[in-house]
Amino acid sequence: MTQTDNAKGIAILGSTGSIGVQTLEVIALAPERFRVEVLTAQRNADLLIAQALLVQPNAVVITDEAFYSKVKEALAHTDTKVFTGAKALEDVVTFSGVDTVLTALVGFAGLYPTLAAIKAGKTIALANKETLVVGGSLVTDLARQHGVAIYPVDSEHSALFQCLVGEWHNPVEKMILTASGGPFRGKKRADLKDITKAQALKHPNWSMGAKITIDSATLMNKGLEVIEAHWLFGLPAEAIEVVVHPQSIIHSMVQFTDGSIKAQLGLPDMKLPILYALAYPERVPTPWPRADFAQIAQLTFEKPDTETFTCLALAYQALEKGGNMPCILNAANEIAVELFLQDSIGFLQIADCVESALQAAPFIAKPQLDDLLQTDTWVRNYVRNL
């Protein structure tokens, strides 16, 4: 991979996941612009090793210490440094060669290294929505304090950001997040009682990791995105609307106070928002397929069914109450999805677990980082013991 000295140094947190793998494809498209400085994985040592041998980063982190020796030995003949443990994630993002940190870790794990990267003055490309769901106030306050830009990688938030470029001086009336509706759009609760893991993992439009695919099926993913949009763009819950758009061509829309609406469109491909976040404010030419509107029969829209898919309604409730409620929502959902993927609970019980945790967990109006950690731990134990 040919790289220039002035290429932007990228740290990919979660390089073996779906977003991480696609980020490496994006970087390979423009090696003169981007240089891989850091790769990290939780326990997928084999893929991490293969990636490191290919792109030769300055450092890798295998968070699960059980795999440290394997990775260390496999990369011993290279110049790549190998680290292990969760604390190493916070250390590597501060390295001088890192310009942008792309956080593609799943869940609460993304919060600490993101905060460390912001304190070190690194630009953030955020693909870990839970970071803002759990610690939105802490993250955005710290980013303002250190003058750090946060560029969204989620397709919906990237779309909103793209609609706002050139409009920063114009007040926004409403943001409209589009949702595919997932694999069970149109079904009622009675239809979902016996849903299997295999059925829930078949997303109609997007190729994603298991956790986010289940979140899409329950519409929790859209609920988390509403909370993320609140923190990224500073709008209240009532000014963030969700509309189901099954074709996934319009990725989101912004309505201004004059009634005009701007939308960002494109084929459903996560590499597009990844590239936009890494290269902003430039647009880099790509060889990827283009939307052909002569072949797209229709673009349709409908209201989400929050009586069947109650996770979306629960997310709105958590955002409106504020404090540590979004942290409770996220932790409960992470464990409930984990239990569903282990065939320990049914599909409808995911929302039941979340609702129970929101009612049972102690409320903290203005949580600090330690409060969020304690809340997260309490809720995870509570849901596991339900």
Protein backbone atom coordinates (compact mmCIF):
# COMPACT_ATOMS: atom_id res chain seq x y z
CA MET A 1 0.00 0.00 0.00
CA THR A 2 1.66 3.22 -1.18
CA GLN A 3 1.28 6.06 1.28
CA THR A 4 2.54 9.64 1.37
CA ASP A 5 4.08 11.31 4.39
CA ASN A 6 1.22 13.80 4.67
CA ALA A 7 -1.48 11.11 4.67
CA LYS A 8 -3.97 11.38 7.55
CA GLY A 9 -3.20 8.90 10.35
CA ILE A 10 -6.26 6.81 11.23
CA ALA A 11 -6.86 4.73 14.37
CA ILE A 12 -9.63 2.18 13.81
CA LEU A 13 -11.13 1.03 17.10
CA GLY A 14 -12.93 -2.20 16.29
CA SER A 15 -11.17 -2.97 13.01
CA THR A 16 -12.45 -6.56 12.78
CA GLY A 17 -16.13 -5.60 12.92
CA SER A 18 -18.32 -4.68 9.96
CA ILE A 19 -17.53 -0.94 10.08
CA GLY A 20 -13.83 -1.58 10.73
CA VAL A 21 -13.50 -3.94 7.76
CA GLN A 22 -15.26 -1.46 5.48
CA THR A 23 -13.07 1.38 6.78
CA LEU A 24 -9.99 -0.52 5.63
CA GLU A 25 -11.60 -0.90 2.20
CA VAL A 26 -12.17 2.87 2.13
CA ILE A 27 -8.57 3.58 3.12
CA ALA A 28 -7.30 1.20 0.43
CA LEU A 29 -9.20 3.32 -2.10
CA ALA A 30 -7.11 6.42 -1.29
CA PRO A 31 -3.78 5.37 0.30
CA GLU A 32 -2.27 8.73 -0.61
CA ARG A 33 -4.81 10.37 1.73
CA PHE A 34 -5.01 7.93 4.64
CA ARG A 35 -2.50 5.94 6.70
CA VAL A 36 -3.52 3.22 9.17
CA GLU A 37 -1.84 3.99 12.49
CA VAL A 38 -3.78 1.77 14.91
CA LEU A 39 -6.00 -1.31 14.66
CA THR A 40 -7.87 -2.83 17.60
CA ALA A 41 -10.03 -5.90 18.19
CA GLN A 42 -11.72 -7.53 21.16
CA ARG A 43 -10.90 -11.20 20.50
CA ASN A 44 -10.81 -11.78 16.73
CA ALA A 45 -7.06 -12.35 16.75
CA ASP A 46 -6.85 -14.08 13.37
CA LEU A 47 -8.46 -11.23 11.43
CA LEU A 48 -6.54 -8.61 13.41
CA ILE A 49 -3.27 -10.35 12.52
CA ALA A 50 -4.23 -10.56 8.84
CA GLN A 51 -5.17 -6.87 8.79
CA ALA A 52 -1.93 -5.86 10.52
CA LEU A 53 0.19 -7.84 8.09
CA LEU A 54 -1.59 -6.17 5.19
CA VAL A 55 -1.54 -2.51 6.27
CA GLN A 56 1.41 -2.55 8.72
CA PRO A 57 0.07 -0.16 11.37
CA ASN A 58 2.20 1.44 14.04
CA ALA A 59 0.27 -0.43 16.76
CA VAL A 60 -2.47 -2.97 17.37
CA VAL A 61 -4.49 -3.72 20.50
CA ILE A 62 -6.11 -7.07 21.25
CA THR A 63 -8.35 -6.19 24.19
CA ASP A 64 -8.84 -9.76 25.41
CA GLU A 65 -5.54 -10.61 27.10
CA ALA A 66 -6.00 -14.33 26.37
CA PHE A 67 -5.07 -13.64 22.73
CA TYR A 68 -2.10 -11.35 23.39
CA SER A 69 0.62 -13.98 22.96
CA LYS A 70 -0.86 -15.21 19.69
CA VAL A 71 -0.95 -11.71 18.18
CA LYS A 72 2.45 -10.78 19.60
CA GLU A 73 4.12 -13.84 18.10
CA ALA A 74 2.42 -13.46 14.72
CA LEU A 75 3.62 -9.87 14.37
CA ALA A 76 7.04 -10.33 15.99
CA HIS A 77 8.85 -10.02 12.64
CA THR A 78 7.15 -6.67 11.88
CA ASP A 79 7.57 -3.16 13.31
CA THR A 80 3.99 -3.16 14.64
CA LYS A 81 3.73 -2.73 18.42
CA VAL A 82 1.26 -5.04 20.16
CA PHE A 83 -0.72 -4.06 23.27
CA THR A 84 -3.50 -5.68 25.26
CA GLY A 85 -6.22 -4.75 27.74
CA ALA A 86 -8.99 -2.14 27.75
CA LYS A 87 -6.67 0.58 29.10
CA ALA A 88 -4.46 0.18 26.00
CA LEU A 89 -7.36 1.49 23.88
CA GLU A 90 -7.17 4.78 25.78
CA ASP A 91 -3.40 4.96 25.34
CA VAL A 92 -3.03 4.23 21.62
CA VAL A 93 -5.51 6.90 20.53
CA THR A 94 -3.18 9.55 21.98
CA PHE A 95 -0.19 8.52 19.81
CA SER A 96 1.32 11.43 17.87
CA GLY A 97 0.82 9.73 14.49
CA VAL A 98 -2.96 9.53 14.99
CA ASP A 99 -4.98 12.36 13.44
CA THR A 100 -8.45 10.81 13.38
CA VAL A 101 -9.93 8.14 15.65
CA LEU A 102 -12.72 6.09 14.09
CA THR A 103 -14.64 4.49 16.95
CA ALA A 104 -16.40 1.38 15.68
CA LEU A 105 -16.47 -0.51 18.97
CA VAL A 106 -19.80 -2.03 19.95
CA GLY A 107 -21.61 -0.61 22.96
CA PHE A 108 -20.43 1.15 26.12
CA ALA A 109 -16.81 0.09 25.43
CA GLY A 110 -16.42 3.00 23.03
CA LEU A 111 -16.90 5.74 25.63
CA TYR A 112 -13.54 5.70 27.45
CA PRO A 113 -11.20 5.67 24.42
CA THR A 114 -13.36 8.35 22.74
CA LEU A 115 -12.98 10.61 25.77
CA ALA A 116 -9.22 9.93 25.81
CA ALA A 117 -8.96 10.79 22.11
CA ILE A 118 -10.86 14.05 22.58
CA LYS A 119 -8.58 15.05 25.47
CA ALA A 120 -5.62 14.39 23.14
CA GLY A 121 -7.14 16.70 20.52
CA LYS A 122 -7.87 14.01 17.94
CA THR A 123 -10.67 14.33 15.40
CA ILE A 124 -13.44 11.80 16.04
CA ALA A 125 -15.21 9.78 13.33
CA LEU A 126 -18.04 8.31 15.39
CA ALA A 127 -19.52 4.95 14.42
CA ASN A 128 -20.27 3.99 18.02
CA LYS A 129 -23.64 5.61 18.72
CA GLU A 130 -23.68 4.24 22.28
CA THR A 131 -20.86 6.66 23.17
CA LEU A 132 -23.26 9.60 22.76
CA VAL A 133 -26.28 7.70 24.06
CA VAL A 134 -24.51 6.91 27.34
CA GLY A 135 -22.27 9.95 27.78
CA GLY A 136 -23.61 12.57 25.38
CA SER A 137 -23.25 15.51 27.75
CA LEU A 138 -19.72 14.52 28.82
CA VAL A 139 -18.55 13.87 25.26
CA THR A 140 -19.97 17.01 23.66
CA ASP A 141 -18.85 19.28 26.53
CA LEU A 142 -15.32 17.84 26.33
CA ALA A 143 -15.24 18.21 22.54
CA ARG A 144 -16.20 21.87 22.82
CA GLN A 145 -13.60 22.40 25.54
CA HIS A 146 -10.81 20.93 23.39
CA GLY A 147 -12.03 22.26 20.04
CA VAL A 148 -12.44 18.74 18.66
CA ALA A 149 -14.68 17.94 15.69
CA ILE A 150 -16.98 14.90 15.84
CA TYR A 151 -17.97 13.62 12.39
CA PRO A 152 -20.82 11.07 12.38
CA VAL A 153 -20.35 7.76 10.55
CA ASP A 154 -23.89 6.40 11.02
CA SER A 155 -25.55 6.76 7.63
CA GLU A 156 -28.48 8.74 9.07
CA HIS A 157 -26.37 11.21 11.03
CA SER A 158 -23.94 11.57 8.15
CA ALA A 159 -26.95 12.43 5.99
CA LEU A 160 -28.14 15.06 8.48
CA PHE A 161 -24.62 16.50 8.65
CA GLN A 162 -24.38 16.65 4.85
CA CYS A 163 -27.75 18.42 4.67
CA LEU A 164 -26.50 21.03 7.16
CA VAL A 165 -23.26 21.86 5.31
CA GLY A 166 -23.62 25.45 4.10
CA GLU A 167 -26.69 25.92 6.34
CA TRP A 168 -25.02 26.44 9.73
CA HIS A 169 -26.50 29.96 10.02
CA ASN A 170 -30.06 28.78 9.28
CA PRO A 171 -32.27 27.54 12.13
CA VAL A 172 -33.56 23.97 11.86
CA GLU A 173 -37.22 23.23 12.50
CA LYS A 174 -37.05 19.44 12.43
CA MET A 175 -34.77 16.53 11.61
CA ILE A 176 -36.24 13.42 10.01
CA LEU A 177 -34.41 10.13 10.56
CA THR A 178 -35.34 7.43 8.06
CA ALA A 179 -35.63 3.77 9.06
CA SER A 180 -35.88 0.74 6.81
CA GLY A 181 -38.36 -0.82 9.23
CA GLY A 182 -36.15 -3.90 9.56
CA PRO A 183 -37.08 -7.47 8.63
CA PHE A 184 -40.41 -7.42 10.51
CA ARG A 185 -41.98 -4.23 9.14
CA GLY A 186 -45.76 -4.56 9.05
CA LYS A 187 -45.90 -7.40 11.57
CA LYS A 188 -47.80 -7.18 14.87
CA ARG A 189 -46.83 -8.46 18.32
CA ALA A 190 -48.65 -11.76 17.79
CA ASP A 191 -46.47 -12.38 14.71
CA LEU A 192 -43.26 -11.82 16.67
CA LYS A 193 -43.74 -14.25 19.57
CA ASP A 194 -41.79 -17.07 17.97
CA ILE A 195 -39.26 -15.09 15.93
CA THR A 196 -35.90 -16.88 15.67
CA LYS A 197 -32.41 -15.44 15.82
CA ALA A 198 -31.85 -16.38 12.17
CA GLN A 199 -34.98 -14.47 11.09
CA ALA A 200 -34.00 -11.37 13.08
CA LEU A 201 -30.49 -11.35 11.59
CA LYS A 202 -31.80 -11.06 8.00
CA HIS A 203 -31.83 -7.31 7.36
CA PRO A 204 -33.51 -6.39 4.06
CA ASN A 205 -31.07 -3.64 2.98
CA TRP A 206 -27.93 -3.35 5.09
CA SER A 207 -25.04 -5.69 5.91
CA MET A 208 -24.13 -5.06 9.56
CA GLY A 209 -22.88 -6.77 12.70
CA ALA A 210 -25.20 -9.01 14.75
CA LYS A 211 -25.94 -6.54 17.57
CA ILE A 212 -26.88 -3.60 15.33
CA THR A 213 -28.92 -5.93 13.08
CA ILE A 214 -31.04 -7.05 16.04
CA ASP A 215 -31.36 -3.42 17.14
CA SER A 216 -32.66 -2.62 13.66
CA ALA A 217 -35.24 -5.42 13.93
CA THR A 218 -36.54 -4.07 17.28
CA LEU A 219 -36.24 -0.40 16.12
CA MET A 220 -34.00 0.21 19.14
CA ASN A 221 -31.30 1.21 16.68
CA LYS A 222 -33.50 4.09 15.54
CA GLY A 223 -34.19 5.03 19.15
CA LEU A 224 -30.46 5.18 19.88
CA GLU A 225 -30.03 7.30 16.75
CA VAL A 226 -32.64 9.77 17.99
CA ILE A 227 -30.62 10.22 21.19
CA GLU A 228 -27.39 10.50 19.20
CA ALA A 229 -28.94 13.14 16.92
CA HIS A 230 -29.98 15.13 19.99
CA TRP A 231 -26.37 15.35 21.16
CA LEU A 232 -24.77 15.84 17.74
CA PHE A 233 -27.13 18.58 16.57
CA GLY A 234 -28.62 20.04 19.74
CA LEU A 235 -32.29 19.48 18.95
CA PRO A 236 -34.93 18.43 21.53
CA ALA A 237 -36.68 15.07 21.22
CA GLU A 238 -39.85 16.62 19.79
CA ALA A 239 -37.86 18.08 16.85
CA ILE A 240 -36.42 14.68 15.85
CA GLU A 241 -38.89 12.56 13.88
CA VAL A 242 -38.57 8.97 12.69
CA VAL A 243 -40.19 7.87 9.44
CA VAL A 244 -40.06 4.38 7.93
CA HIS A 245 -38.62 4.40 4.40
CA PRO A 246 -38.26 0.76 3.26
CA GLN A 247 -36.09 1.45 0.20
CA SER A 248 -33.23 3.00 2.27
CA ILE A 249 -32.38 5.46 -0.53
CA ILE A 250 -33.11 8.63 1.44
CA HIS A 251 -30.83 8.38 4.47
CA SER A 252 -32.31 11.31 6.41
CA MET A 253 -33.71 14.82 5.97
CA VAL A 254 -33.54 18.27 7.52
CA GLN A 255 -36.52 20.65 7.55
CA PHE A 256 -35.73 24.35 7.95
CA THR A 257 -37.92 27.08 9.41
CA ASP A 258 -39.06 28.22 5.97
CA GLY A 259 -40.57 24.78 5.34
CA SER A 260 -37.85 23.71 2.89
CA ILE A 261 -36.56 20.14 3.29
CA LYS A 262 -33.10 18.89 2.27
CA ALA A 263 -32.44 15.17 1.92
CA GLN A 264 -29.31 13.12 1.35
CA LEU A 265 -29.76 10.15 -0.98
CA GLY A 266 -27.66 7.24 -2.16
CA LEU A 267 -27.48 3.48 -2.33
CA PRO A 268 -27.30 1.77 1.09
CA ASP A 269 -23.52 1.41 1.48
CA MET A 270 -21.74 2.20 4.76
CA LYS A 271 -18.49 2.97 2.94
CA LEU A 272 -20.00 6.28 1.78
CA PRO A 273 -20.52 7.84 5.24
CA ILE A 274 -17.20 6.35 6.41
CA LEU A 275 -15.35 8.05 3.56
CA TYR A 276 -17.21 11.34 4.10
CA ALA A 277 -16.25 11.38 7.81
CA LEU A 278 -12.60 10.61 7.09
CA ALA A 279 -12.15 13.01 4.15
CA TYR A 280 -14.40 15.92 5.21
CA PRO A 281 -14.67 18.59 3.86
CA GLU A 282 -13.57 16.94 0.60
CA ARG A 283 -15.47 14.39 -1.45
CA VAL A 284 -13.23 11.62 -2.79
CA PRO A 285 -14.06 9.99 -6.15
CA THR A 286 -15.18 6.36 -5.79
CA PRO A 287 -15.77 3.43 -8.18
CA TRP A 288 -18.83 2.19 -6.30
CA PRO A 289 -22.30 1.67 -7.86
CA ARG A 290 -24.56 4.70 -8.30
CA ALA A 291 -28.30 5.02 -7.73
CA ASP A 292 -30.26 4.75 -10.99
CA PHE A 293 -33.57 6.50 -10.42
CA ALA A 294 -35.00 5.11 -13.64
CA GLN A 295 -34.72 1.69 -11.99
CA ILE A 296 -36.11 2.74 -8.58
CA ALA A 297 -39.85 2.23 -8.90
CA GLN A 298 -40.91 4.22 -5.83
CA LEU A 299 -39.85 5.87 -2.60
CA THR A 300 -42.42 5.29 0.15
CA PHE A 301 -42.83 6.48 3.73
CA GLU A 302 -44.91 5.46 6.75
CA LYS A 303 -45.11 6.04 10.48
CA PRO A 304 -43.23 3.60 12.72
CA ASP A 305 -45.40 1.19 14.71
CA THR A 306 -44.34 2.00 18.26
CA GLU A 307 -47.06 -0.20 19.79
CA THR A 308 -45.45 -3.29 18.25
CA PHE A 309 -41.86 -2.04 18.34
CA THR A 310 -41.88 -0.44 21.77
CA CYS A 311 -38.09 0.04 21.93
CA LEU A 312 -38.39 3.23 19.87
CA ALA A 313 -40.94 4.68 22.29
CA LEU A 314 -38.75 3.69 25.25
CA ALA A 315 -35.79 5.53 23.71
CA TYR A 316 -37.83 8.71 23.34
CA GLN A 317 -38.91 8.40 26.97
CA ALA A 318 -35.31 7.97 28.12
CA LEU A 319 -34.18 11.03 26.14
CA GLU A 320 -37.01 13.19 27.47
CA LYS A 321 -36.29 12.25 31.10
CA GLY A 322 -32.54 12.68 30.58
CA GLY A 323 -29.94 12.10 33.27
CA ASN A 324 -28.69 8.51 33.30
CA MET A 325 -31.86 7.14 31.66
CA PRO A 326 -30.24 6.74 28.20
CA CYS A 327 -27.38 4.89 29.93
CA ILE A 328 -29.94 2.56 31.56
CA LEU A 329 -31.67 2.06 28.20
CA ASN A 330 -28.41 1.21 26.44
CA ALA A 331 -27.05 -1.18 29.07
CA ALA A 332 -30.35 -3.05 29.36
CA ASN A 333 -30.60 -3.35 25.59
CA GLU A 334 -27.02 -4.60 25.20
CA ILE A 335 -27.59 -7.44 27.66
CA ALA A 336 -31.07 -8.24 26.34
CA VAL A 337 -29.76 -8.52 22.78
CA GLU A 338 -26.89 -10.67 24.03
CA LEU A 339 -29.39 -12.98 25.77
CA PHE A 340 -31.55 -13.15 22.64
CA LEU A 341 -28.54 -14.06 20.49
CA GLN A 342 -27.79 -16.81 23.03
CA ASP A 343 -31.40 -18.09 22.67
CA SER A 344 -32.01 -17.32 26.35
CA ILE A 345 -34.96 -14.98 25.80
CA GLY A 346 -37.50 -14.35 23.05
CA PHE A 347 -37.54 -11.45 20.61
CA LEU A 348 -40.34 -9.53 22.37
CA GLN A 349 -38.59 -9.93 25.72
CA ILE A 350 -35.81 -7.59 24.58
CA ALA A 351 -38.14 -4.60 24.98
CA ASP A 352 -39.58 -6.07 28.20
CA CYS A 353 -36.08 -6.23 29.73
CA VAL A 354 -35.36 -2.63 28.75
CA GLU A 355 -38.66 -1.34 30.11
CA SER A 356 -38.16 -3.19 33.39
CA ALA A 357 -34.66 -1.74 33.81
CA LEU A 358 -35.86 1.82 33.10
CA GLN A 359 -38.41 1.44 35.89
CA ALA A 360 -36.10 -0.27 38.39
CA ALA A 361 -32.71 1.45 38.06
CA PRO A 362 -31.86 4.39 40.33
CA PHE A 363 -32.25 7.72 38.52
CA ILE A 364 -29.42 10.28 38.52
CA ALA A 365 -30.29 13.69 37.08
CA LYS A 366 -26.73 14.91 36.36
CA PRO A 367 -24.47 11.86 36.15
CA GLN A 368 -20.69 12.06 36.07
CA LEU A 369 -18.47 9.42 34.47
CA ASP A 370 -18.34 7.28 37.63
CA ASP A 371 -22.13 7.46 37.92
CA LEU A 372 -22.51 6.19 34.36
CA LEU A 373 -20.12 3.32 35.00
CA GLN A 374 -22.00 2.32 38.16
CA THR A 375 -25.34 2.61 36.36
CA ASP A 376 -24.07 0.50 33.48
CA THR A 377 -22.81 -2.23 35.83
CA TRP A 378 -26.00 -2.21 37.94
CA VAL A 379 -28.29 -2.48 34.91
CA ARG A 380 -26.29 -5.28 33.26
CA ASN A 381 -26.48 -7.35 36.44
CA TYR A 382 -30.16 -6.56 36.84
CA VAL A 383 -31.11 -7.69 33.33
CA ARG A 384 -29.00 -10.85 33.56
CA ASN A 385 -30.83 -11.75 36.77
CA LEU A 386 -34.33 -11.01 35.48
